Amino acid sequence: MGVHHVDLVVTSIERSLPFYRELLGPLGWHRLSEVEGERGETIWYLGGPACSVGLREAQSHERQSGEGPYDRYSVGLHHLAFEAQSRAVVDERAGWLRASGVLLESEPQEYSYSPGYYAVFFYDPDGLKLEIVNIPALAA
């Protein structure tokens, strides 16, 4: 058993859905489904190897207007990490991010979190921190 899905609230589904589809497609996230949320809103689920990420558009004025950046040190999501099959995939996705004008927090590199931990950190169109990581023990 593991995490089934994570839902993210975005300011613009027209901007965020293509971003996530292009980012995650090469990582094996190919399924796309549409579900009606509890307030009648559309939730777009991108299905990956082991779980899904749902995207829904903000309904409060504050989030729709983009007032105040997302603060990952407040209560809520700090960052979301997606697993890559290899370091080469991490590097390839980092190249795509740079070519797409996405703000990188750090270039792909090895971190001391665990042996062989190799990742790139970056921000989605709403400023949510994301990570693509390869850890040899996970990929095996």
Protein backbone atom coordinates (compact mmCIF):
# COMPACT_ATOMS: atom_id res chain seq x y z
CA MET A 1 0.00 0.00 0.00
CA GLY A 2 1.19 3.52 -0.67
CA VAL A 3 0.04 6.98 -1.66
CA HIS A 4 -2.87 6.73 -4.10
CA HIS A 5 -3.04 10.37 -5.24
CA VAL A 6 -2.12 13.95 -4.38
CA ASP A 7 -4.31 16.88 -5.44
CA LEU A 8 -2.79 20.27 -6.21
CA VAL A 9 -4.72 23.52 -6.51
CA VAL A 10 -3.43 25.72 -9.35
CA THR A 11 -4.27 29.23 -10.50
CA SER A 12 -4.77 28.27 -14.15
CA ILE A 13 -5.58 24.80 -15.43
CA GLU A 14 -4.83 26.03 -18.97
CA ARG A 15 -1.26 26.79 -17.88
CA SER A 16 -0.63 23.99 -15.38
CA LEU A 17 -2.16 20.96 -17.15
CA PRO A 18 0.18 21.21 -20.19
CA PHE A 19 3.15 21.88 -17.88
CA TYR A 20 2.55 18.74 -15.81
CA ARG A 21 1.70 16.57 -18.84
CA GLU A 22 4.92 17.57 -20.62
CA LEU A 23 6.99 17.28 -17.43
CA LEU A 24 5.67 13.88 -16.37
CA GLY A 25 5.06 12.11 -19.70
CA PRO A 26 8.70 11.03 -20.06
CA LEU A 27 8.56 9.68 -16.49
CA GLY A 28 5.74 7.29 -17.40
CA TRP A 29 2.75 9.40 -16.37
CA HIS A 30 0.49 8.86 -19.39
CA ARG A 31 -3.02 8.32 -18.04
CA LEU A 32 -5.33 11.34 -17.99
CA SER A 33 -8.79 11.29 -16.49
CA GLU A 34 -11.36 13.88 -15.57
CA VAL A 35 -13.38 13.75 -12.33
CA GLU A 36 -15.99 16.08 -10.90
CA GLY A 37 -14.93 17.50 -7.52
CA GLU A 38 -17.09 18.09 -4.48
CA ARG A 39 -17.88 21.66 -5.56
CA GLY A 40 -18.59 20.74 -9.18
CA GLU A 41 -15.09 21.68 -10.33
CA THR A 42 -13.16 19.54 -12.80
CA ILE A 43 -10.16 17.67 -11.42
CA TRP A 44 -7.67 16.41 -14.00
CA TYR A 45 -5.79 13.31 -12.81
CA LEU A 46 -2.43 12.44 -14.34
CA GLY A 47 -1.76 8.76 -13.67
CA GLY A 48 1.75 7.59 -13.00
CA PRO A 49 3.35 4.24 -12.25
CA ALA A 50 2.11 4.04 -8.65
CA CYS A 51 -0.14 7.04 -7.94
CA SER A 52 -1.86 10.03 -9.52
CA VAL A 53 -1.58 13.79 -9.29
CA GLY A 54 -4.81 15.75 -9.47
CA LEU A 55 -4.92 19.33 -10.71
CA ARG A 56 -7.86 21.57 -9.90
CA GLU A 57 -8.25 25.28 -10.41
CA ALA A 58 -8.40 27.55 -7.36
CA GLN A 59 -11.82 28.74 -6.36
CA SER A 60 -10.86 31.43 -3.86
CA HIS A 61 -10.14 34.93 -5.13
CA GLU A 62 -6.77 35.09 -3.36
CA ARG A 63 -5.40 32.05 -5.18
CA GLN A 64 -6.93 32.93 -8.56
CA SER A 65 -5.42 36.40 -8.51
CA GLY A 66 -2.03 35.00 -7.55
CA GLU A 67 -1.80 37.31 -4.54
CA GLY A 68 0.87 36.15 -2.20
CA PRO A 69 3.29 33.46 -3.32
CA TYR A 70 2.83 29.90 -2.12
CA ASP A 71 4.70 29.49 1.16
CA ARG A 72 5.93 25.90 1.48
CA TYR A 73 6.95 26.55 5.09
CA SER A 74 3.35 27.21 6.10
CA VAL A 75 1.04 24.32 6.88
CA GLY A 76 0.57 22.40 3.64
CA LEU A 77 2.71 20.87 0.94
CA HIS A 78 6.47 21.57 1.16
CA HIS A 79 7.41 19.87 -2.11
CA LEU A 80 6.49 16.92 -4.28
CA ALA A 81 9.12 14.51 -5.65
CA PHE A 82 8.74 12.35 -8.76
CA GLU A 83 10.95 9.30 -9.23
CA ALA A 84 13.07 8.92 -12.37
CA GLN A 85 14.44 5.62 -13.70
CA SER A 86 18.01 6.95 -14.01
CA ARG A 87 20.28 9.94 -13.59
CA ALA A 88 20.11 10.38 -17.36
CA VAL A 89 16.34 10.93 -17.08
CA VAL A 90 16.89 13.50 -14.30
CA ASP A 91 19.36 15.29 -16.57
CA GLU A 92 17.04 15.09 -19.59
CA ARG A 93 14.11 16.54 -17.60
CA ALA A 94 16.38 19.31 -16.27
CA GLY A 95 17.24 20.16 -19.88
CA TRP A 96 13.54 20.29 -20.73
CA LEU A 97 12.91 22.53 -17.71
CA ARG A 98 15.68 24.97 -18.74
CA ALA A 99 14.46 25.01 -22.36
CA SER A 100 10.92 25.69 -21.12
CA GLY A 101 12.06 28.66 -19.03
CA VAL A 102 11.21 26.97 -15.71
CA LEU A 103 12.93 28.36 -12.61
CA LEU A 104 15.38 25.80 -11.21
CA GLU A 105 16.20 25.93 -7.52
CA SER A 106 19.30 23.83 -8.20
CA GLU A 107 20.91 22.05 -11.10
CA PRO A 108 20.91 18.22 -11.07
CA GLN A 109 23.38 17.00 -8.48
CA GLU A 110 24.01 14.39 -5.83
CA TYR A 111 22.69 15.11 -2.35
CA SER A 112 23.69 13.53 0.96
CA TYR A 113 20.12 12.51 1.90
CA SER A 114 21.01 8.89 1.07
CA PRO A 115 23.72 7.16 -1.01
CA GLY A 116 23.39 7.99 -4.70
CA TYR A 117 20.51 10.48 -4.21
CA TYR A 118 20.53 12.52 -7.45
CA ALA A 119 17.92 15.22 -8.04
CA VAL A 120 16.89 18.47 -9.63
CA PHE A 121 14.65 20.91 -7.73
CA PHE A 122 12.43 23.45 -9.51
CA TYR A 123 9.14 25.35 -9.36
CA ASP A 124 5.83 24.82 -11.15
CA PRO A 125 3.93 27.76 -12.74
CA ASP A 126 2.39 28.63 -9.33
CA GLY A 127 5.66 28.44 -7.40
CA LEU A 128 5.13 24.96 -5.91
CA LYS A 129 8.48 23.27 -5.32
CA LEU A 130 8.93 20.04 -7.27
CA GLU A 131 11.72 17.50 -7.52
CA ILE A 132 12.74 14.78 -9.94
CA VAL A 133 14.93 12.22 -8.17
CA ASN A 134 16.82 9.04 -8.90
CA ILE A 135 17.92 6.88 -5.98
CA PRO A 136 19.63 3.63 -6.99
CA ALA A 137 17.92 1.62 -4.21
CA LEU A 138 14.49 2.82 -5.39
CA ALA A 139 15.18 2.22 -9.08
CA ALA A 140 16.42 -1.34 -8.48
